[in-house]
Amino acid sequence: MSITIRKATEEDIPSIHALVRELAIYERAENEFVASIEDYTRDFRAGIFDSIVAVQNKKVIGMVFFYMAYSTWKGRMMYLEDFVVFEAYRRLGVGQQLFDAFLKEAQDQGCVLAKWQVLDWNEPAINFYRKNKATIEQEWYNGKIYF
C-alpha cells in the first residue's frame, strides 16, 4: 500500500471536510458539524488553519487539521484540532504517519508544545496517544461560548 503524506492544498478541502464529517459521526455529534466547505476554503486561504493529508491512489484517506496557538507558560504551540483516517484505512499505520508529520511540522515551526483534546470514551485514540508518549490530562475542564 503506497501512501503519500503531504501538506494539504485548496483542492483537498472537500476531502478534509468529508473526513471531519466522518469524525463528527464517530463522536456521535454529526448534528453539531455545521461548518461548510465554503467556510473551510475561506479560512484555509486566510491561513487560519493548515492540514497534512494522507493520499492513496489520488484519494485523500486521512488528515491532521491544525493551527498555531500560544501557551503563556511554554511559548509557541501547535494545536491539533482534528485527526482522522477513513475507517477502511485504520490500523494500517496511516494515522502514525500523519501524527509523525504533524509533530515534525510543529517542531519545524519552532513550537515547544503540541496539544489536542481526546474524548474520555475514545479508548483507541487514548491508547494511540499514550503509545506515542503523550500526557493525557484529566484535571482540566473545557469551556466554550458559541456566538
N, C-alpha and C. Protein backbone atom coordinates (compact mmCIF):
# COMPACT_ATOMS: atom_id res chain seq x y z
N MET A 1 0.85 -1.18 0.00
CA MET A 1 0.00 0.00 0.00
C MET A 1 0.89 1.24 0.00
N SER A 2 0.87 2.00 -1.07
CA SER A 2 1.67 3.21 -1.19
C SER A 2 0.86 4.42 -0.73
N ILE A 3 1.35 5.06 0.34
CA ILE A 3 0.69 6.22 0.92
C ILE A 3 1.62 7.41 0.79
N THR A 4 1.09 8.55 0.36
CA THR A 4 1.85 9.79 0.32
C THR A 4 1.32 10.70 1.42
N ILE A 5 2.23 11.24 2.22
CA ILE A 5 1.89 12.21 3.25
C ILE A 5 2.40 13.55 2.77
N ARG A 6 1.49 14.55 2.69
CA ARG A 6 1.89 15.86 2.17
C ARG A 6 1.02 16.96 2.76
N LYS A 7 1.50 18.20 2.62
CA LYS A 7 0.72 19.35 3.05
C LYS A 7 -0.53 19.43 2.17
N ALA A 8 -1.63 19.82 2.77
CA ALA A 8 -2.89 19.95 2.04
C ALA A 8 -2.84 21.16 1.11
N THR A 9 -3.63 21.07 0.05
CA THR A 9 -3.83 22.19 -0.87
C THR A 9 -5.32 22.53 -0.85
N GLU A 10 -5.66 23.63 -1.47
CA GLU A 10 -7.06 24.03 -1.52
C GLU A 10 -7.94 22.96 -2.17
N GLU A 11 -7.38 22.23 -3.11
CA GLU A 11 -8.14 21.17 -3.78
C GLU A 11 -8.52 20.04 -2.83
N ASP A 12 -7.82 19.93 -1.71
CA ASP A 12 -8.11 18.89 -0.73
C ASP A 12 -9.24 19.25 0.24
N ILE A 13 -9.70 20.49 0.21
CA ILE A 13 -10.69 20.96 1.19
C ILE A 13 -11.95 20.09 1.21
N PRO A 14 -12.56 19.72 0.08
CA PRO A 14 -13.74 18.85 0.16
C PRO A 14 -13.46 17.52 0.86
N SER A 15 -12.30 16.94 0.63
CA SER A 15 -11.95 15.68 1.29
C SER A 15 -11.73 15.88 2.78
N ILE A 16 -11.08 16.98 3.14
CA ILE A 16 -10.87 17.29 4.56
C ILE A 16 -12.22 17.46 5.24
N HIS A 17 -13.12 18.18 4.59
CA HIS A 17 -14.47 18.40 5.12
C HIS A 17 -15.18 17.06 5.33
N ALA A 18 -15.06 16.16 4.37
CA ALA A 18 -15.69 14.83 4.48
C ALA A 18 -15.10 14.03 5.63
N LEU A 19 -13.81 14.14 5.83
CA LEU A 19 -13.17 13.44 6.95
C LEU A 19 -13.65 14.00 8.29
N VAL A 20 -13.80 15.31 8.38
CA VAL A 20 -14.30 15.90 9.62
C VAL A 20 -15.74 15.44 9.87
N ARG A 21 -16.54 15.33 8.81
CA ARG A 21 -17.90 14.81 8.98
C ARG A 21 -17.85 13.38 9.52
N GLU A 22 -16.94 12.56 8.99
CA GLU A 22 -16.80 11.18 9.48
C GLU A 22 -16.43 11.19 10.97
N LEU A 23 -15.54 12.10 11.36
CA LEU A 23 -15.16 12.21 12.76
C LEU A 23 -16.36 12.63 13.61
N ALA A 24 -17.14 13.59 13.13
CA ALA A 24 -18.33 14.04 13.88
C ALA A 24 -19.31 12.89 14.07
N ILE A 25 -19.48 12.06 13.06
CA ILE A 25 -20.36 10.89 13.18
C ILE A 25 -19.80 9.93 14.22
N TYR A 26 -18.49 9.66 14.15
CA TYR A 26 -17.84 8.76 15.11
C TYR A 26 -18.01 9.28 16.54
N GLU A 27 -17.92 10.60 16.69
CA GLU A 27 -18.04 11.22 18.01
C GLU A 27 -19.50 11.45 18.42
N ARG A 28 -20.43 10.91 17.63
CA ARG A 28 -21.87 11.00 17.93
C ARG A 28 -22.36 12.44 18.00
N ALA A 29 -21.85 13.27 17.10
CA ALA A 29 -22.19 14.70 17.12
C ALA A 29 -22.35 15.29 15.72
N GLU A 30 -22.80 14.49 14.77
CA GLU A 30 -22.91 14.99 13.40
C GLU A 30 -23.77 16.24 13.31
N ASN A 31 -24.82 16.33 14.12
CA ASN A 31 -25.70 17.50 14.07
C ASN A 31 -24.99 18.78 14.49
N GLU A 32 -23.86 18.67 15.17
CA GLU A 32 -23.10 19.85 15.59
C GLU A 32 -22.11 20.30 14.52
N PHE A 33 -21.92 19.51 13.50
CA PHE A 33 -20.98 19.83 12.43
C PHE A 33 -21.68 20.72 11.42
N VAL A 34 -21.45 22.02 11.52
CA VAL A 34 -22.17 22.98 10.67
C VAL A 34 -21.27 23.80 9.77
N ALA A 35 -19.96 23.74 9.93
CA ALA A 35 -19.05 24.50 9.06
C ALA A 35 -19.14 23.94 7.65
N SER A 36 -19.23 24.83 6.68
CA SER A 36 -19.39 24.43 5.28
C SER A 36 -18.02 24.33 4.58
N ILE A 37 -18.04 23.72 3.41
CA ILE A 37 -16.84 23.68 2.58
C ILE A 37 -16.40 25.10 2.25
N GLU A 38 -17.36 25.99 2.04
CA GLU A 38 -17.03 27.39 1.76
C GLU A 38 -16.31 28.03 2.96
N ASP A 39 -16.77 27.73 4.17
CA ASP A 39 -16.09 28.23 5.38
C ASP A 39 -14.65 27.72 5.41
N TYR A 40 -14.49 26.43 5.17
CA TYR A 40 -13.15 25.83 5.19
C TYR A 40 -12.25 26.50 4.14
N THR A 41 -12.78 26.66 2.93
CA THR A 41 -11.99 27.24 1.84
C THR A 41 -11.56 28.66 2.18
N ARG A 42 -12.49 29.48 2.65
CA ARG A 42 -12.18 30.86 3.03
C ARG A 42 -11.09 30.90 4.10
N ASP A 43 -11.24 30.08 5.13
CA ASP A 43 -10.31 30.11 6.25
C ASP A 43 -8.96 29.47 5.92
N PHE A 44 -8.96 28.49 5.04
CA PHE A 44 -7.70 27.91 4.57
C PHE A 44 -6.92 28.96 3.78
N ARG A 45 -7.62 29.66 2.88
CA ARG A 45 -6.97 30.73 2.10
C ARG A 45 -6.40 31.82 3.00
N ALA A 46 -7.09 32.10 4.11
CA ALA A 46 -6.67 33.15 5.03
C ALA A 46 -5.57 32.68 5.98
N GLY A 47 -5.19 31.41 5.92
CA GLY A 47 -4.14 30.89 6.80
C GLY A 47 -4.59 30.65 8.23
N ILE A 48 -5.90 30.53 8.43
CA ILE A 48 -6.45 30.29 9.78
C ILE A 48 -6.06 28.90 10.27
N PHE A 49 -6.01 27.94 9.37
CA PHE A 49 -5.62 26.58 9.72
C PHE A 49 -4.78 25.99 8.61
N ASP A 50 -4.17 24.88 8.91
CA ASP A 50 -3.40 24.13 7.93
C ASP A 50 -3.75 22.66 8.09
N SER A 51 -3.32 21.85 7.16
CA SER A 51 -3.62 20.43 7.22
C SER A 51 -2.53 19.66 6.49
N ILE A 52 -2.34 18.43 6.94
CA ILE A 52 -1.49 17.47 6.25
C ILE A 52 -2.40 16.30 5.92
N VAL A 53 -2.28 15.79 4.70
CA VAL A 53 -3.16 14.72 4.26
C VAL A 53 -2.37 13.46 3.91
N ALA A 54 -3.05 12.33 4.02
CA ALA A 54 -2.54 11.04 3.55
C ALA A 54 -3.31 10.71 2.28
N VAL A 55 -2.59 10.37 1.23
CA VAL A 55 -3.20 10.13 -0.07
C VAL A 55 -2.79 8.75 -0.57
N GLN A 56 -3.78 8.03 -1.08
CA GLN A 56 -3.52 6.75 -1.74
C GLN A 56 -4.30 6.76 -3.05
N ASN A 57 -3.62 6.46 -4.15
CA ASN A 57 -4.27 6.43 -5.47
C ASN A 57 -5.07 7.70 -5.73
N LYS A 58 -4.49 8.86 -5.41
CA LYS A 58 -5.08 10.19 -5.64
C LYS A 58 -6.29 10.48 -4.77
N LYS A 59 -6.55 9.64 -3.76
CA LYS A 59 -7.67 9.84 -2.85
C LYS A 59 -7.14 10.17 -1.46
N VAL A 60 -7.67 11.27 -0.88
CA VAL A 60 -7.31 11.62 0.49
C VAL A 60 -8.00 10.63 1.41
N ILE A 61 -7.20 9.93 2.24
CA ILE A 61 -7.76 8.89 3.12
C ILE A 61 -7.63 9.25 4.60
N GLY A 62 -6.92 10.33 4.89
CA GLY A 62 -6.76 10.75 6.27
C GLY A 62 -6.15 12.13 6.33
N MET A 63 -6.24 12.76 7.50
CA MET A 63 -5.66 14.10 7.63
C MET A 63 -5.49 14.47 9.09
N VAL A 64 -4.59 15.45 9.29
CA VAL A 64 -4.49 16.17 10.55
C VAL A 64 -4.81 17.63 10.22
N PHE A 65 -5.55 18.28 11.09
CA PHE A 65 -6.05 19.65 10.90
C PHE A 65 -5.54 20.44 12.10
N PHE A 66 -4.75 21.48 11.88
CA PHE A 66 -4.06 22.13 12.99
C PHE A 66 -3.87 23.63 12.74
N TYR A 67 -3.45 24.32 13.79
CA TYR A 67 -3.14 25.75 13.69
C TYR A 67 -2.20 26.14 14.82
N MET A 68 -1.54 27.28 14.61
CA MET A 68 -0.61 27.80 15.60
C MET A 68 -1.40 28.41 16.75
N ALA A 69 -0.92 28.17 17.94
CA ALA A 69 -1.51 28.75 19.15
C ALA A 69 -0.34 29.18 20.04
N TYR A 70 -0.66 29.62 21.24
CA TYR A 70 0.39 30.09 22.12
C TYR A 70 0.09 29.71 23.56
N SER A 71 1.06 29.12 24.21
CA SER A 71 0.95 28.79 25.63
C SER A 71 1.66 29.89 26.41
N THR A 72 0.94 30.57 27.26
CA THR A 72 1.57 31.64 28.04
C THR A 72 2.64 31.10 28.99
N TRP A 73 2.59 29.82 29.29
CA TRP A 73 3.58 29.22 30.18
C TRP A 73 4.77 28.62 29.43
N LYS A 74 4.52 28.17 28.20
CA LYS A 74 5.56 27.43 27.48
C LYS A 74 6.06 28.14 26.21
N GLY A 75 5.19 28.89 25.55
CA GLY A 75 5.55 29.56 24.30
C GLY A 75 4.77 29.01 23.12
N ARG A 76 5.40 29.03 21.97
CA ARG A 76 4.74 28.64 20.72
C ARG A 76 4.25 27.20 20.78
N MET A 77 2.99 27.02 20.35
CA MET A 77 2.33 25.72 20.47
C MET A 77 1.53 25.44 19.20
N MET A 78 1.54 24.20 18.74
CA MET A 78 0.70 23.79 17.62
C MET A 78 -0.50 23.04 18.20
N TYR A 79 -1.69 23.47 17.80
CA TYR A 79 -2.90 22.83 18.29
C TYR A 79 -3.47 21.91 17.22
N LEU A 80 -3.62 20.65 17.57
CA LEU A 80 -4.19 19.64 16.68
C LEU A 80 -5.70 19.63 16.89
N GLU A 81 -6.41 20.22 15.96
CA GLU A 81 -7.87 20.34 16.10
C GLU A 81 -8.57 19.02 15.77
N ASP A 82 -8.19 18.40 14.67
CA ASP A 82 -8.80 17.14 14.28
C ASP A 82 -7.76 16.24 13.62
N PHE A 83 -7.98 14.95 13.79
CA PHE A 83 -7.07 13.93 13.30
C PHE A 83 -7.94 12.73 12.98
N VAL A 84 -8.05 12.38 11.71
CA VAL A 84 -8.95 11.28 11.34
C VAL A 84 -8.45 10.58 10.08
N VAL A 85 -8.69 9.29 10.05
CA VAL A 85 -8.42 8.44 8.90
C VAL A 85 -9.73 7.73 8.58
N PHE A 86 -10.09 7.69 7.31
CA PHE A 86 -11.31 6.95 6.95
C PHE A 86 -11.23 5.54 7.52
N GLU A 87 -12.34 5.04 8.01
CA GLU A 87 -12.39 3.78 8.74
C GLU A 87 -11.73 2.62 7.99
N ALA A 88 -11.94 2.56 6.69
CA ALA A 88 -11.39 1.45 5.90
C ALA A 88 -9.87 1.43 5.90
N TYR A 89 -9.23 2.54 6.27
CA TYR A 89 -7.76 2.64 6.23
C TYR A 89 -7.13 2.68 7.62
N ARG A 90 -7.94 2.48 8.65
CA ARG A 90 -7.40 2.48 10.00
C ARG A 90 -6.66 1.18 10.28
N ARG A 91 -5.74 1.24 11.22
CA ARG A 91 -4.92 0.11 11.66
C ARG A 91 -3.93 -0.36 10.58
N LEU A 92 -3.60 0.56 9.66
CA LEU A 92 -2.62 0.25 8.62
C LEU A 92 -1.38 1.12 8.74
N GLY A 93 -1.30 1.92 9.81
CA GLY A 93 -0.15 2.78 10.01
C GLY A 93 -0.30 4.18 9.45
N VAL A 94 -1.42 4.46 8.80
CA VAL A 94 -1.65 5.78 8.21
C VAL A 94 -1.70 6.85 9.30
N GLY A 95 -2.41 6.57 10.39
CA GLY A 95 -2.52 7.52 11.48
C GLY A 95 -1.17 7.86 12.07
N GLN A 96 -0.33 6.87 12.25
CA GLN A 96 1.01 7.13 12.81
C GLN A 96 1.81 8.04 11.88
N GLN A 97 1.72 7.78 10.57
CA GLN A 97 2.43 8.63 9.61
C GLN A 97 1.94 10.07 9.68
N LEU A 98 0.63 10.25 9.78
CA LEU A 98 0.07 11.60 9.87
C LEU A 98 0.47 12.28 11.17
N PHE A 99 0.41 11.55 12.27
CA PHE A 99 0.76 12.13 13.57
C PHE A 99 2.24 12.53 13.58
N ASP A 100 3.10 11.67 13.05
CA ASP A 100 4.52 11.99 12.97
C ASP A 100 4.75 13.24 12.12
N ALA A 101 4.03 13.36 11.00
CA ALA A 101 4.17 14.54 10.14
C ALA A 101 3.69 15.80 10.86
N PHE A 102 2.61 15.68 11.64
CA PHE A 102 2.13 16.82 12.44
C PHE A 102 3.18 17.25 13.46
N LEU A 103 3.75 16.29 14.18
CA LEU A 103 4.77 16.62 15.19
C LEU A 103 6.00 17.26 14.54
N LYS A 104 6.39 16.76 13.38
CA LYS A 104 7.52 17.35 12.67
C LYS A 104 7.20 18.77 12.25
N GLU A 105 6.00 19.00 11.76
CA GLU A 105 5.58 20.35 11.36
C GLU A 105 5.64 21.30 12.55
N ALA A 106 5.15 20.85 13.70
CA ALA A 106 5.20 21.68 14.91
C ALA A 106 6.64 22.01 15.27
N GLN A 107 7.51 21.03 15.21
CA GLN A 107 8.93 21.27 15.52
C GLN A 107 9.56 22.21 14.49
N ASP A 108 9.24 21.99 13.21
CA ASP A 108 9.78 22.86 12.15
C ASP A 108 9.32 24.30 12.32
N GLN A 109 8.14 24.49 12.90
CA GLN A 109 7.60 25.84 13.13
C GLN A 109 8.11 26.46 14.43
N GLY A 110 9.00 25.77 15.12
CA GLY A 110 9.59 26.29 16.34
C GLY A 110 8.73 26.13 17.57
N CYS A 111 7.78 25.23 17.52
CA CYS A 111 6.90 25.00 18.67
C CYS A 111 7.62 24.21 19.75
N VAL A 112 7.26 24.49 20.99
CA VAL A 112 7.80 23.75 22.13
C VAL A 112 6.77 22.78 22.69
N LEU A 113 5.57 22.81 22.10
CA LEU A 113 4.46 22.02 22.62
C LEU A 113 3.46 21.74 21.51
N ALA A 114 2.93 20.55 21.49
CA ALA A 114 1.78 20.20 20.65
C ALA A 114 0.66 19.80 21.60
N LYS A 115 -0.54 20.23 21.30
CA LYS A 115 -1.66 19.99 22.22
C LYS A 115 -2.91 19.64 21.43
N TRP A 116 -3.80 18.86 22.06
CA TRP A 116 -5.05 18.45 21.45
C TRP A 116 -5.99 17.98 22.55
N GLN A 117 -7.20 17.64 22.16
CA GLN A 117 -8.18 17.05 23.07
C GLN A 117 -8.55 15.67 22.57
N VAL A 118 -8.97 14.82 23.49
CA VAL A 118 -9.46 13.50 23.13
C VAL A 118 -10.63 13.20 24.07
N LEU A 119 -11.69 12.64 23.51
CA LEU A 119 -12.85 12.30 24.33
C LEU A 119 -12.51 11.19 25.31
N ASP A 120 -13.05 11.28 26.51
CA ASP A 120 -12.71 10.32 27.56
C ASP A 120 -13.13 8.89 27.24
N TRP A 121 -14.09 8.72 26.34
CA TRP A 121 -14.54 7.36 25.99
C TRP A 121 -13.82 6.80 24.76
N ASN A 122 -12.98 7.59 24.12
CA ASN A 122 -12.32 7.16 22.89
C ASN A 122 -11.03 6.40 23.22
N GLU A 123 -11.18 5.19 23.71
CA GLU A 123 -10.05 4.38 24.14
C GLU A 123 -9.02 4.12 23.03
N PRO A 124 -9.45 3.85 21.78
CA PRO A 124 -8.43 3.64 20.74
C PRO A 124 -7.52 4.87 20.57
N ALA A 125 -8.12 6.06 20.60
CA ALA A 125 -7.31 7.28 20.45
C ALA A 125 -6.43 7.49 21.68
N ILE A 126 -6.98 7.31 22.86
CA ILE A 126 -6.19 7.47 24.08
C ILE A 126 -5.00 6.52 24.08
N ASN A 127 -5.24 5.29 23.69
CA ASN A 127 -4.15 4.30 23.63
C ASN A 127 -3.10 4.70 22.59
N PHE A 128 -3.56 5.22 21.45
CA PHE A 128 -2.63 5.68 20.42
C PHE A 128 -1.74 6.79 20.96
N TYR A 129 -2.34 7.77 21.62
CA TYR A 129 -1.54 8.89 22.15
C TYR A 129 -0.59 8.42 23.24
N ARG A 130 -1.05 7.55 24.10
CA ARG A 130 -0.17 7.02 25.15
C ARG A 130 1.01 6.25 24.54
N LYS A 131 0.73 5.48 23.48
CA LYS A 131 1.79 4.75 22.78
C LYS A 131 2.85 5.73 22.26
N ASN A 132 2.40 6.94 21.94
CA ASN A 132 3.31 7.97 21.45
C ASN A 132 3.88 8.84 22.57
N LYS A 133 3.74 8.37 23.80
CA LYS A 133 4.31 9.01 24.99
C LYS A 133 3.69 10.38 25.29
N ALA A 134 2.42 10.55 24.93
CA ALA A 134 1.71 11.80 25.23
C ALA A 134 1.20 11.79 26.67
N THR A 135 1.12 12.96 27.25
CA THR A 135 0.49 13.14 28.54
C THR A 135 -0.99 13.37 28.29
N ILE A 136 -1.85 12.58 28.91
CA ILE A 136 -3.29 12.76 28.79
C ILE A 136 -3.78 13.36 30.10
N GLU A 137 -4.09 14.66 30.07
CA GLU A 137 -4.53 15.36 31.28
C GLU A 137 -5.97 14.99 31.60
N GLN A 138 -6.27 14.94 32.88
CA GLN A 138 -7.64 14.64 33.29
C GLN A 138 -8.20 15.67 34.25
N GLU A 139 -7.40 16.63 34.63
CA GLU A 139 -7.87 17.58 35.64
C GLU A 139 -8.47 18.86 35.06
N TRP A 140 -8.36 19.08 33.75
CA TRP A 140 -8.87 20.30 33.14
C TRP A 140 -10.25 20.07 32.53
N TYR A 141 -11.14 21.05 32.69
CA TYR A 141 -12.43 21.05 32.01
C TYR A 141 -12.37 22.00 30.84
N ASN A 142 -13.13 21.71 29.80
CA ASN A 142 -13.21 22.59 28.64
C ASN A 142 -14.28 23.64 28.85
N GLY A 143 -14.02 24.83 28.46
CA GLY A 143 -15.02 25.90 28.49
C GLY A 143 -15.23 26.43 27.09
N LYS A 144 -16.43 26.84 26.76
CA LYS A 144 -16.70 27.42 25.44
C LYS A 144 -17.96 28.25 25.46
N ILE A 145 -18.03 29.21 24.57
CA ILE A 145 -19.21 30.05 24.35
C ILE A 145 -19.42 30.13 22.84
N TYR A 146 -20.63 29.86 22.39
CA TYR A 146 -20.94 29.96 20.96
C TYR A 146 -21.54 31.33 20.67
N PHE A 147 -21.23 31.86 19.50
CA PHE A 147 -21.79 33.14 19.07
C PHE A 147 -22.68 32.95 17.86
